[in-house]
Amino acid sequence: MKVANRYEAVSDGESRARGDALVAWLRDYAERRVNSRLIDERRCIPPHVALDFGNRGLFGVQVEERFGGLALRNREIARILEQAAAIDLGLGTWLLTSLFPGVRPIAAFATARLKAELLPLLAQGRMLAGYAQTEPGAGTHFAAMSARAQANARGWSLTGEKVWIGNATWAGLLTVMAHDVEDGGRRRGLTALAVRTEQPGVALGRELLSMGMRGMVQSEVAFHDVAVGPDALVGERGKGLEVGVDSMSWSRFAIAATCVGAMKRCAQLMLRFASRRTIATGKLVEHPVLLASLGEAVARIRGAEGLLYRVAEVLDRGDGVAVELFAACKFVGSEFLWQTADGLVQSLGSRGYDEANLAPQLLRDARVTRIFEGTSEALAAFLGAAALVPSSEIYTFLRRELDADALADELAASVGRLRARDGAALGLAAGELPRAWQCALAGSAASWALVAAVAAQDAARAPAPELARVADWSRRQFADSLERATRGAPAESVLFDATQAEKAVSALAESVGDPEPRLPGEKRGLDPLLRRTPPANGS
């Protein structure tokens, strides 16, 4: 499946000019009006920031000009998200959440009437939007969702519960994914519906206090027989999967952009500290271990950046991009960011553990990138499933876009050897390795193939020592990933089956017990005698 723009962007020159202006504005604005520490501590993005972002048109980057948007090309959108994340990763994440799960479904799939009604409000930030897909029992697994849109003569009656919904309690509009169900209970497929949060039956629930991204509200929201008319349809009836995949893919693109921006900030802080810090051997910046850490940070930046902007290049010329490539951008970006943010904290020593220096906040904000819009494990499995098929879009992109026939051949050959490996080496019954393990190993190898191919192409396009080093580094990482796939990863030495895992972990209770503290906490909620509806027993 491929994903494309679905909107008319302005010319390349105009897009670049608008992008330059917004990047410059963000840099200046952040110096004067953004206090990351207070955003984190108060768990709230200040209203003036949301208003100012709206007034500058930041929520309309993928909205056509006729609806009051900026209609930027994807290269500029990525640059803007990079800059926002370099200023404050949590703030950048809130911006991307408002844009892609938020505005994008309406801009790309809504009816002409809905677009005319909603996009001018959304593009200028006069209304915020959210996207309600995740449920307690279902994340990116669409089939596991339980929300139902019961068809009737007036449209649908929507019922269901959603959780971890970004912007939910701030949004005036939610795009809700639900199974379209007929009277007899037969499912007609997923349907996406635009639901105003002010409608009767919409219950905005508890805010979920997260480890990072504290400025962005993430909440529960429930729908109790919400009456939704046929004009609220987003995309085609029964084809909500297309809306969901599109939203998820663009969100992955945007997450990758914020990861690149945050990594660049990490590298800046690492070098700044190392250049000023003196240790027993001299300047920290002269120590080879620090230099290796900084060098890898730069290599990760160039690798993730190269892949991201190659995808943007294809999109901006009007072609569709396979969903596997969006997944690869997010997988690579989030894994690289986590390693780089951890390296920043470590390189700063005790200062890296001091909240006043913002490195802990950056680490906490970075952690979620490996989880939302598909965990790294799920994305590796998705990429690996594609890599197991030599005719898949990963190989097509390697060969046609990256001129990397040799790398594609190496990957295909190694995947063939991976599939032929005997599972007995893992203590399993004789036969091939479990497919899930094959996919995990193949997914890692495929991601490194893409990074290595981009790095080699970049080094050939603009010969420079730094790019040559990045190309060599990524090529070695690719070779290591192939070695793990074909000869066995270290984790295979301790790969349990479920029974062995339960036995081993249960034995730990002998030394540490199984503590589960039950402590009194704050009383929350209105006393029953003060509620609008009295308690049933009258007491």
Protein backbone atom coordinates (compact mmCIF):
# COMPACT_ATOMS: atom_id res chain seq x y z
CA MET A 1 0.00 0.00 0.00
CA LYS A 2 1.23 3.49 -0.85
CA VAL A 3 0.48 6.87 0.70
CA ALA A 4 0.58 10.18 -1.18
CA ASN A 5 0.03 13.90 -0.57
CA ARG A 6 -3.70 14.20 -1.39
CA TYR A 7 -3.51 18.00 -1.45
CA GLU A 8 -2.29 20.70 -3.82
CA ALA A 9 0.95 22.17 -2.50
CA VAL A 10 2.42 25.55 -3.42
CA SER A 11 5.43 25.83 -5.72
CA ASP A 12 8.83 24.64 -4.53
CA GLY A 13 10.17 28.18 -4.27
CA GLU A 14 7.18 29.49 -2.36
CA SER A 15 7.22 26.48 -0.04
CA ARG A 16 10.91 27.03 0.72
CA ALA A 17 10.32 30.73 1.43
CA ARG A 18 7.44 29.97 3.78
CA GLY A 19 9.42 27.21 5.45
CA ASP A 20 12.42 29.50 5.97
CA ALA A 21 10.17 32.16 7.50
CA LEU A 22 8.56 29.71 9.92
CA VAL A 23 11.88 28.19 10.98
CA ALA A 24 13.29 31.68 11.63
CA TRP A 25 10.16 32.64 13.56
CA LEU A 26 10.32 29.50 15.71
CA ARG A 27 13.95 30.19 16.64
CA ASP A 28 13.20 33.76 17.65
CA TYR A 29 9.93 32.90 19.38
CA ALA A 30 11.49 30.13 21.45
CA GLU A 31 14.07 32.51 22.86
CA ARG A 32 11.35 34.85 24.10
CA ARG A 33 8.23 32.82 24.84
CA VAL A 34 8.94 29.08 25.38
CA ASN A 35 9.90 27.82 28.82
CA SER A 36 10.38 24.07 28.46
CA ARG A 37 10.91 23.51 32.15
CA LEU A 38 7.60 25.12 33.11
CA ILE A 39 5.75 23.26 30.35
CA ASP A 40 7.10 20.00 31.77
CA GLU A 41 6.46 20.83 35.43
CA ARG A 42 2.99 22.28 34.94
CA ARG A 43 2.00 19.55 32.46
CA CYS A 44 0.50 22.13 30.15
CA ILE A 45 1.42 24.01 27.00
CA PRO A 46 0.70 27.69 27.73
CA PRO A 47 -2.35 29.05 25.91
CA HIS A 48 -0.28 31.82 24.32
CA VAL A 49 1.94 29.23 22.62
CA ALA A 50 -1.05 27.42 21.09
CA LEU A 51 -2.57 30.74 19.99
CA ASP A 52 0.67 32.01 18.51
CA PHE A 53 1.31 28.76 16.64
CA GLY A 54 -2.18 29.04 15.19
CA ASN A 55 -1.75 32.67 14.19
CA ARG A 56 1.44 31.78 12.34
CA GLY A 57 -0.36 29.05 10.40
CA LEU A 58 1.59 26.12 11.83
CA PHE A 59 -1.52 23.95 12.03
CA GLY A 60 -2.21 24.46 8.33
CA VAL A 61 0.98 23.14 6.76
CA GLN A 62 -0.93 20.42 4.87
CA VAL A 63 -4.08 22.47 4.30
CA GLU A 64 -4.68 24.01 0.89
CA GLU A 65 -4.53 27.78 0.49
CA ARG A 66 -8.21 28.04 -0.40
CA PHE A 67 -8.99 26.89 3.15
CA GLY A 68 -6.51 29.26 4.76
CA GLY A 69 -3.58 26.83 4.94
CA LEU A 70 0.06 27.10 3.91
CA ALA A 71 0.04 24.00 1.65
CA LEU A 72 3.74 23.34 2.17
CA ARG A 73 5.81 20.65 0.55
CA ASN A 74 6.96 17.81 2.73
CA ARG A 75 10.59 18.82 2.88
CA GLU A 76 9.59 22.08 4.54
CA ILE A 77 7.15 20.36 6.88
CA ALA A 78 9.97 18.09 8.03
CA ARG A 79 12.28 21.09 8.55
CA ILE A 80 9.66 22.86 10.67
CA LEU A 81 9.06 19.80 12.84
CA GLU A 82 12.82 19.34 13.22
CA GLN A 83 13.15 22.90 14.45
CA ALA A 84 10.24 22.65 16.85
CA ALA A 85 11.68 19.46 18.37
CA ALA A 86 15.16 20.95 18.67
CA ILE A 87 13.58 23.70 20.76
CA ASP A 88 11.46 21.33 22.87
CA LEU A 89 10.80 17.72 21.85
CA GLY A 90 7.55 17.61 23.81
CA LEU A 91 6.33 20.76 22.08
CA GLY A 92 7.33 19.37 18.70
CA THR A 93 5.47 16.15 19.46
CA TRP A 94 2.34 18.07 20.39
CA LEU A 95 2.58 19.98 17.10
CA LEU A 96 2.91 16.80 15.03
CA THR A 97 0.04 15.20 16.94
CA SER A 98 -2.16 18.20 16.22
CA LEU A 99 -1.21 18.07 12.54
CA PHE A 100 -1.22 14.49 11.38
CA PRO A 101 -3.55 12.41 13.45
CA GLY A 102 -5.44 15.69 14.01
CA VAL A 103 -5.86 17.86 10.91
CA ARG A 104 -4.66 15.44 8.23
CA PRO A 105 -7.73 13.12 8.04
CA ILE A 106 -10.03 16.08 7.48
CA ALA A 107 -7.71 17.76 4.96
CA ALA A 108 -7.18 14.55 3.01
CA PHE A 109 -10.47 12.61 3.26
CA ALA A 110 -13.40 14.76 4.42
CA THR A 111 -16.25 15.76 2.17
CA ALA A 112 -16.12 19.14 0.43
CA ARG A 113 -18.70 20.49 2.88
CA LEU A 114 -16.78 19.32 5.92
CA LYS A 115 -13.53 20.74 4.54
CA ALA A 116 -15.13 24.12 3.92
CA GLU A 117 -16.62 24.14 7.42
CA LEU A 118 -13.68 22.82 9.45
CA LEU A 119 -10.37 23.46 7.69
CA PRO A 120 -10.34 27.27 8.07
CA LEU A 121 -10.81 26.77 11.83
CA LEU A 122 -8.21 24.02 12.07
CA ALA A 123 -5.60 25.68 9.87
CA GLN A 124 -5.56 28.82 12.02
CA GLY A 125 -5.68 26.98 15.32
CA ARG A 126 -9.11 28.30 16.26
CA MET A 127 -10.07 24.67 16.82
CA LEU A 128 -7.75 21.83 17.76
CA ALA A 129 -8.24 18.32 16.43
CA GLY A 130 -7.46 14.84 17.70
CA TYR A 131 -7.58 11.31 16.38
CA ALA A 132 -9.32 8.57 18.36
CA GLN A 133 -8.12 5.12 17.42
CA THR A 134 -6.26 3.54 20.36
CA GLU A 135 -8.31 1.51 22.82
CA PRO A 136 -7.43 -0.35 26.02
CA GLY A 137 -7.27 -3.57 24.00
CA ALA A 138 -6.08 -2.29 20.64
CA GLY A 139 -3.36 0.06 19.41
CA THR A 140 -2.30 -0.25 15.78
CA HIS A 141 -4.21 -3.56 15.56
CA PHE A 142 -7.32 -2.26 13.81
CA ALA A 143 -9.24 -5.54 13.87
CA ALA A 144 -9.03 -5.70 17.67
CA MET A 145 -10.90 -2.42 18.15
CA SER A 146 -14.27 -2.70 19.88
CA ALA A 147 -15.76 0.74 19.09
CA ARG A 148 -18.94 0.36 17.03
CA ALA A 149 -20.79 2.67 14.71
CA GLN A 150 -24.29 1.13 14.51
CA ALA A 151 -25.86 2.10 11.20
CA ASN A 152 -29.39 3.60 11.26
CA ALA A 153 -31.63 5.70 9.05
CA ARG A 154 -30.00 8.94 10.27
CA GLY A 155 -26.38 7.78 9.97
CA TRP A 156 -24.76 5.99 12.92
CA SER A 157 -24.94 5.60 16.66
CA LEU A 158 -21.34 5.60 17.91
CA THR A 159 -20.35 3.67 21.04
CA GLY A 160 -16.91 2.84 22.38
CA GLU A 161 -14.01 3.80 24.60
CA LYS A 162 -10.68 5.24 23.49
CA VAL A 163 -7.51 5.82 25.48
CA TRP A 164 -4.19 7.71 25.13
CA ILE A 165 -5.83 10.18 22.79
CA GLY A 166 -3.62 13.21 22.23
CA ASN A 167 -5.44 16.54 22.47
CA ALA A 168 -8.67 14.78 23.45
CA THR A 169 -9.73 17.20 26.18
CA TRP A 170 -8.50 20.22 24.21
CA ALA A 171 -9.95 19.24 20.86
CA GLY A 172 -13.14 20.54 19.36
CA LEU A 173 -13.07 17.73 16.81
CA LEU A 174 -12.05 14.07 16.88
CA THR A 175 -11.72 11.72 13.94
CA VAL A 176 -12.99 8.45 15.42
CA MET A 177 -12.25 4.98 14.07
CA ALA A 178 -14.98 2.38 14.61
CA HIS A 179 -16.32 -0.83 13.15
CA ASP A 180 -19.32 -0.05 10.95
CA VAL A 181 -21.99 -2.48 12.14
CA GLU A 182 -25.41 -3.22 10.65
CA ASP A 183 -28.52 -4.08 12.66
CA GLY A 184 -27.78 -7.79 12.54
CA GLY A 185 -24.30 -7.23 13.94
CA ARG A 186 -22.48 -7.81 10.65
CA ARG A 187 -19.38 -5.65 10.26
CA ARG A 188 -19.04 -3.66 7.06
CA GLY A 189 -15.47 -2.65 7.78
CA LEU A 190 -13.89 0.27 9.57
CA THR A 191 -15.44 3.70 9.17
CA ALA A 192 -13.92 7.03 10.15
CA LEU A 193 -16.25 9.71 11.52
CA ALA A 194 -15.71 13.37 12.38
CA VAL A 195 -17.21 13.93 15.82
CA ARG A 196 -17.50 17.25 17.61
CA THR A 197 -16.53 16.86 21.25
CA GLU A 198 -19.49 19.06 22.27
CA GLN A 199 -21.98 16.50 20.94
CA PRO A 200 -24.28 14.73 23.44
CA GLY A 201 -22.84 11.39 24.47
CA VAL A 202 -19.17 12.37 24.12
CA ALA A 203 -17.55 11.95 27.55
CA LEU A 204 -14.07 13.40 27.91
CA GLY A 205 -12.39 11.31 30.56
CA ARG A 206 -9.35 11.24 32.79
CA GLU A 207 -6.04 12.72 31.71
CA LEU A 208 -3.26 10.13 31.72
CA LEU A 209 -0.08 11.40 33.34
CA SER A 210 2.83 10.26 31.22
CA MET A 211 6.53 9.88 31.88
CA GLY A 212 7.43 12.40 29.19
CA MET A 213 5.63 14.73 26.76
CA ARG A 214 4.02 16.19 29.83
CA GLY A 215 2.82 19.36 28.16
CA MET A 216 0.50 17.47 25.81
CA VAL A 217 -2.74 16.19 27.26
CA GLN A 218 -3.49 12.54 26.61
CA SER A 219 -6.84 11.39 27.82
CA GLU A 220 -9.57 8.81 27.84
CA VAL A 221 -12.68 9.56 25.83
CA ALA A 222 -15.90 7.58 25.64
CA PHE A 223 -18.79 7.66 23.18
CA HIS A 224 -22.24 6.72 24.48
CA ASP A 225 -24.74 6.35 21.64
CA VAL A 226 -23.45 9.49 19.94
CA ALA A 227 -25.65 10.41 16.99
CA VAL A 228 -23.44 10.90 13.93
CA GLY A 229 -24.94 12.03 10.66
CA PRO A 230 -23.89 10.80 7.19
CA ASP A 231 -22.21 14.14 6.45
CA ALA A 232 -19.61 13.40 9.16
CA LEU A 233 -18.11 10.58 7.12
CA VAL A 234 -14.32 10.85 6.65
CA GLY A 235 -13.30 8.88 3.59
CA GLU A 236 -15.53 6.16 2.22
CA ARG A 237 -17.89 4.10 4.33
CA GLY A 238 -16.32 0.80 5.28
CA LYS A 239 -12.91 1.95 4.08
CA GLY A 240 -11.71 3.62 7.23
CA LEU A 241 -8.60 1.46 7.11
CA GLU A 242 -7.32 3.73 4.34
CA VAL A 243 -7.80 6.77 6.59
CA GLY A 244 -6.15 4.99 9.51
CA VAL A 245 -3.11 3.83 7.53
CA ASP A 246 -2.71 7.27 5.98
CA SER A 247 -2.86 9.00 9.36
CA MET A 248 -0.47 6.51 10.94
CA SER A 249 2.01 6.76 8.06
CA TRP A 250 2.15 10.56 8.10
CA SER A 251 2.49 10.53 11.86
CA ARG A 252 5.48 8.21 11.49
CA PHE A 253 7.03 10.61 8.97
CA ALA A 254 6.50 13.48 11.41
CA ILE A 255 7.89 11.54 14.39
CA ALA A 256 11.02 10.82 12.38
CA ALA A 257 11.43 14.54 11.69
CA THR A 258 11.14 15.44 15.37
CA CYS A 259 13.63 12.69 16.23
CA VAL A 260 16.15 14.19 13.82
CA GLY A 261 15.70 17.65 15.34
CA ALA A 262 16.07 16.36 18.89
CA MET A 263 19.20 14.40 17.97
CA LYS A 264 20.77 17.54 16.55
CA ARG A 265 20.10 19.32 19.82
CA CYS A 266 21.67 16.43 21.75
CA ALA A 267 24.82 16.61 19.63
CA GLN A 268 25.08 20.37 20.16
CA LEU A 269 24.86 19.99 23.94
CA MET A 270 27.33 17.10 24.00
CA LEU A 271 29.96 19.09 22.12
CA ARG A 272 29.34 22.26 24.12
CA PHE A 273 29.88 20.49 27.42
CA ALA A 274 32.82 18.38 26.23
CA SER A 275 34.60 21.45 24.88
CA ARG A 276 34.40 23.16 28.28
CA ARG A 277 34.83 20.26 30.68
CA THR A 278 38.29 19.30 31.92
CA ILE A 279 38.91 15.77 33.23
CA ALA A 280 42.02 13.95 34.49
CA THR A 281 43.30 13.30 30.96
CA GLY A 282 42.66 16.84 29.71
CA LYS A 283 39.73 18.29 27.81
CA LEU A 284 36.79 15.89 27.63
CA VAL A 285 36.40 16.70 23.93
CA GLU A 286 39.83 15.14 23.32
CA HIS A 287 38.92 11.82 24.94
CA PRO A 288 38.43 9.07 22.30
CA VAL A 289 35.45 7.48 24.08
CA LEU A 290 33.56 10.78 24.08
CA LEU A 291 34.58 11.44 20.49
CA ALA A 292 33.31 8.01 19.46
CA SER A 293 29.99 8.71 21.19
CA LEU A 294 29.72 12.08 19.50
CA GLY A 295 30.74 10.60 16.16
CA GLU A 296 28.02 7.97 16.39
CA ALA A 297 25.50 10.66 17.29
CA VAL A 298 26.39 12.56 14.12
CA ALA A 299 26.26 9.34 12.08
CA ARG A 300 22.79 8.55 13.43
CA ILE A 301 21.64 12.07 12.60
CA ARG A 302 22.89 11.84 9.02
CA GLY A 303 21.49 8.36 8.56
CA ALA A 304 17.99 9.14 9.85
CA GLU A 305 17.95 12.54 8.14
CA GLY A 306 18.99 11.06 4.81
CA LEU A 307 16.23 8.46 4.85
CA LEU A 308 13.59 10.96 5.97
CA TYR A 309 14.39 13.51 3.29
CA ARG A 310 14.65 10.88 0.58
CA VAL A 311 11.06 9.90 1.40
CA ALA A 312 10.08 13.60 1.37
CA GLU A 313 11.75 13.98 -2.03
CA VAL A 314 9.63 11.18 -3.51
CA LEU A 315 6.44 12.62 -1.99
CA ASP A 316 7.22 16.12 -3.24
CA ARG A 317 7.57 14.98 -6.82
CA GLY A 318 4.02 13.63 -6.58
CA ASP A 319 4.66 9.91 -6.18
CA GLY A 320 3.24 7.63 -3.54
CA VAL A 321 5.48 6.07 -0.92
CA ALA A 322 5.01 2.56 0.43
CA VAL A 323 3.89 2.35 4.04
CA GLU A 324 7.00 0.28 4.80
CA LEU A 325 9.17 3.34 4.14
CA PHE A 326 7.21 5.49 6.58
CA ALA A 327 7.62 2.72 9.14
CA ALA A 328 11.36 2.56 8.45
CA CYS A 329 11.73 6.32 8.97
CA LYS A 330 10.02 6.12 12.35
CA PHE A 331 11.81 2.96 13.45
CA VAL A 332 15.24 4.31 12.55
CA GLY A 333 14.57 7.81 13.91
CA SER A 334 13.17 6.69 17.26
CA GLU A 335 15.82 4.05 17.92
CA PHE A 336 18.60 6.46 16.97
CA LEU A 337 17.13 9.24 19.12
CA TRP A 338 16.90 7.03 22.19
CA GLN A 339 20.55 6.01 21.86
CA THR A 340 21.60 9.62 21.29
CA ALA A 341 19.57 11.05 24.19
CA ASP A 342 20.99 8.39 26.50
CA GLY A 343 24.47 9.28 25.22
CA LEU A 344 23.83 12.93 26.05
CA VAL A 345 22.87 12.15 29.65
CA GLN A 346 25.91 9.90 30.03
CA SER A 347 28.35 12.39 28.52
CA LEU A 348 27.18 15.14 30.90
CA GLY A 349 27.85 12.97 33.95
CA SER A 350 26.04 14.23 37.04
CA ARG A 351 24.86 17.27 35.08
CA GLY A 352 22.97 14.91 32.79
CA TYR A 353 20.90 13.76 35.78
CA ASP A 354 20.09 17.32 36.87
CA GLU A 355 16.61 18.40 35.79
CA ALA A 356 17.79 22.01 35.54
CA ASN A 357 19.89 21.06 32.50
CA LEU A 358 16.91 19.71 30.51
CA ALA A 359 18.78 16.53 29.49
CA PRO A 360 16.52 14.36 31.72
CA GLN A 361 13.44 15.94 30.15
CA LEU A 362 14.80 15.28 26.68
CA LEU A 363 15.43 11.65 27.61
CA ARG A 364 11.91 11.24 29.01
CA ASP A 365 10.35 12.88 25.97
CA ALA A 366 12.42 10.71 23.63
CA ARG A 367 11.34 7.46 25.25
CA VAL A 368 7.81 7.47 23.88
CA THR A 369 8.99 7.71 20.28
CA ARG A 370 9.85 4.00 20.47
CA ILE A 371 6.29 3.22 21.54
CA PHE A 372 3.56 5.32 19.94
CA GLU A 373 2.37 4.91 16.34
CA GLY A 374 3.73 1.38 16.49
CA THR A 375 6.32 0.07 18.93
CA SER A 376 9.81 -0.52 17.62
CA GLU A 377 9.24 -4.27 17.95
CA ALA A 378 6.04 -4.12 15.92
CA LEU A 379 7.66 -1.97 13.24
CA ALA A 380 10.69 -4.26 13.04
CA ALA A 381 8.33 -7.19 12.53
CA PHE A 382 6.43 -5.27 9.85
CA LEU A 383 9.64 -4.38 8.02
CA GLY A 384 10.94 -7.91 8.47
CA ALA A 385 7.80 -9.43 6.96
CA ALA A 386 8.41 -7.27 3.89
CA ALA A 387 12.11 -8.13 3.78
CA LEU A 388 11.23 -11.83 3.67
CA VAL A 389 9.63 -11.18 0.27
CA PRO A 390 12.25 -10.23 -2.37
CA SER A 391 9.63 -8.46 -4.49
CA SER A 392 8.46 -6.16 -1.68
CA GLU A 393 8.57 -2.38 -1.67
CA ILE A 394 11.72 -2.31 0.47
CA TYR A 395 13.71 -3.93 -2.32
CA THR A 396 12.04 -1.72 -4.93
CA PHE A 397 13.03 1.41 -3.02
CA LEU A 398 16.59 0.17 -2.53
CA ARG A 399 17.00 -0.54 -6.23
CA ARG A 400 15.05 2.28 -7.89
CA GLU A 401 15.40 5.22 -5.52
CA LEU A 402 18.72 4.51 -3.84
CA ASP A 403 20.63 2.76 -6.66
CA ALA A 404 21.60 0.08 -4.17
CA ASP A 405 21.29 -3.17 -6.12
CA ALA A 406 24.25 -4.72 -4.32
CA LEU A 407 22.81 -4.00 -0.87
CA ALA A 408 19.40 -5.30 -1.97
CA ASP A 409 21.03 -8.50 -3.22
CA GLU A 410 22.95 -8.91 0.05
CA LEU A 411 19.79 -8.43 2.07
CA ALA A 412 17.83 -10.92 -0.04
CA ALA A 413 20.59 -13.52 0.16
CA SER A 414 20.91 -13.16 3.92
CA VAL A 415 17.15 -13.39 4.38
CA GLY A 416 17.27 -16.62 2.41
CA ARG A 417 19.89 -18.01 4.80
CA LEU A 418 17.86 -16.75 7.76
CA ARG A 419 14.82 -18.67 6.61
CA ALA A 420 16.91 -21.82 6.25
CA ARG A 421 18.26 -21.71 9.82
CA ASP A 422 17.35 -24.61 12.06
CA GLY A 423 15.25 -23.78 15.09
CA ALA A 424 16.86 -26.59 17.05
CA ALA A 425 19.74 -24.23 17.85
CA LEU A 426 17.31 -22.26 20.01
CA GLY A 427 16.15 -25.32 21.88
CA LEU A 428 13.08 -25.48 19.68
CA ALA A 429 11.74 -28.35 17.67
CA ALA A 430 13.70 -29.04 14.51
CA GLY A 431 12.64 -26.89 11.61
CA GLU A 432 12.90 -23.28 10.60
CA LEU A 433 13.02 -20.46 13.12
CA PRO A 434 9.67 -19.10 14.31
CA ARG A 435 8.43 -16.56 11.78
CA ALA A 436 8.13 -13.85 14.44
CA TRP A 437 11.86 -14.22 15.22
CA GLN A 438 12.70 -14.24 11.52
CA CYS A 439 10.78 -10.99 11.08
CA ALA A 440 12.51 -9.34 14.03
CA LEU A 441 15.99 -10.12 12.66
CA ALA A 442 15.09 -9.36 9.05
CA GLY A 443 13.46 -6.05 10.05
CA SER A 444 16.62 -4.82 11.72
CA ALA A 445 18.69 -5.83 8.70
CA ALA A 446 16.27 -4.12 6.30
CA SER A 447 16.39 -0.85 8.23
CA TRP A 448 20.20 -0.88 8.19
CA ALA A 449 20.14 -1.63 4.47
CA LEU A 450 18.08 1.51 3.87
CA VAL A 451 20.31 3.67 6.09
CA ALA A 452 23.48 2.31 4.45
CA ALA A 453 22.09 2.86 0.96
CA VAL A 454 21.11 6.46 1.68
CA ALA A 455 24.49 7.16 3.30
CA ALA A 456 26.36 5.73 0.32
CA GLN A 457 24.25 7.76 -2.09
CA ASP A 458 24.77 10.95 -0.07
CA ALA A 459 28.53 10.36 0.02
CA ALA A 460 28.57 9.88 -3.75
CA ARG A 461 26.47 12.99 -4.39
CA ALA A 462 28.62 15.29 -2.22
CA PRO A 463 32.04 13.77 -1.47
CA ALA A 464 33.15 14.85 2.01
CA PRO A 465 35.08 13.13 4.83
CA GLU A 466 32.10 13.25 7.23
CA LEU A 467 29.72 11.63 4.75
CA ALA A 468 32.30 9.00 3.86
CA ARG A 469 32.63 8.11 7.54
CA VAL A 470 28.85 7.88 7.92
CA ALA A 471 28.65 5.62 4.87
CA ASP A 472 31.35 3.33 6.27
CA TRP A 473 29.72 3.26 9.74
CA SER A 474 26.28 2.40 8.39
CA ARG A 475 27.74 -0.23 6.03
CA ARG A 476 29.39 -1.93 9.01
CA GLN A 477 26.17 -1.79 10.99
CA PHE A 478 24.37 -3.42 8.08
CA ALA A 479 26.99 -6.17 7.98
CA ASP A 480 26.56 -6.75 11.72
CA SER A 481 22.78 -7.00 11.32
CA LEU A 482 23.22 -9.61 8.58
CA GLU A 483 25.58 -11.57 10.83
CA ARG A 484 22.97 -11.60 13.61
CA ALA A 485 20.29 -12.71 11.19
CA THR A 486 22.22 -15.53 9.56
CA ARG A 487 24.43 -16.81 12.39
CA GLY A 488 22.33 -15.93 15.40
CA ALA A 489 21.81 -12.93 17.65
CA PRO A 490 23.22 -12.94 21.22
CA ALA A 491 19.66 -12.80 22.55
CA GLU A 492 19.08 -16.28 21.15
CA SER A 493 21.26 -17.70 23.95
CA VAL A 494 18.62 -16.69 26.50
CA LEU A 495 15.49 -17.05 24.41
CA PHE A 496 12.94 -18.76 26.68
CA ASP A 497 9.75 -20.47 25.81
CA ALA A 498 6.77 -19.29 27.83
CA THR A 499 7.02 -22.09 30.40
CA GLN A 500 10.73 -21.52 30.99
CA ALA A 501 10.16 -17.78 31.33
CA GLU A 502 7.43 -18.23 33.93
CA LYS A 503 9.56 -20.66 35.93
CA ALA A 504 12.65 -18.42 35.87
CA VAL A 505 10.83 -15.24 36.84
CA SER A 506 8.69 -16.94 39.51
CA ALA A 507 11.90 -18.12 41.19
CA LEU A 508 12.95 -14.51 41.70
CA ALA A 509 10.27 -14.12 44.36
CA GLU A 510 12.39 -16.24 46.70
CA SER A 511 14.91 -13.40 46.99
CA VAL A 512 12.77 -10.27 46.62
CA GLY A 513 9.20 -11.35 47.29
CA ASP A 514 6.43 -9.89 45.15
CA PRO A 515 5.77 -6.43 46.62
CA GLU A 516 2.64 -4.55 45.68
CA PRO A 517 2.33 -1.49 47.96
CA ARG A 518 -1.18 -0.42 48.90
CA LEU A 519 -0.88 3.09 50.28
CA PRO A 520 -3.57 5.67 50.97
CA GLY A 521 -3.72 8.32 48.27
CA GLU A 522 -5.55 11.52 47.55
CA LYS A 523 -9.33 11.43 47.48
CA ARG A 524 -10.52 12.34 44.05
CA GLY A 525 -14.01 12.98 42.76
CA LEU A 526 -17.13 14.58 44.13
CA ASP A 527 -18.77 13.16 47.24
CA PRO A 528 -21.82 11.03 46.23
CA LEU A 529 -24.13 13.28 48.28
CA LEU A 530 -23.06 16.30 46.23
CA ARG A 531 -23.53 14.76 42.79
CA ARG A 532 -26.35 15.68 40.46
CA THR A 533 -27.68 12.11 40.61
CA PRO A 534 -28.11 10.91 44.23
CA PRO A 535 -26.74 7.51 45.31
CA ALA A 536 -29.17 4.62 44.89
CA ASN A 537 -29.31 3.75 48.59
CA GLY A 538 -29.81 7.38 49.64
CA SER A 539 -26.79 7.41 51.96
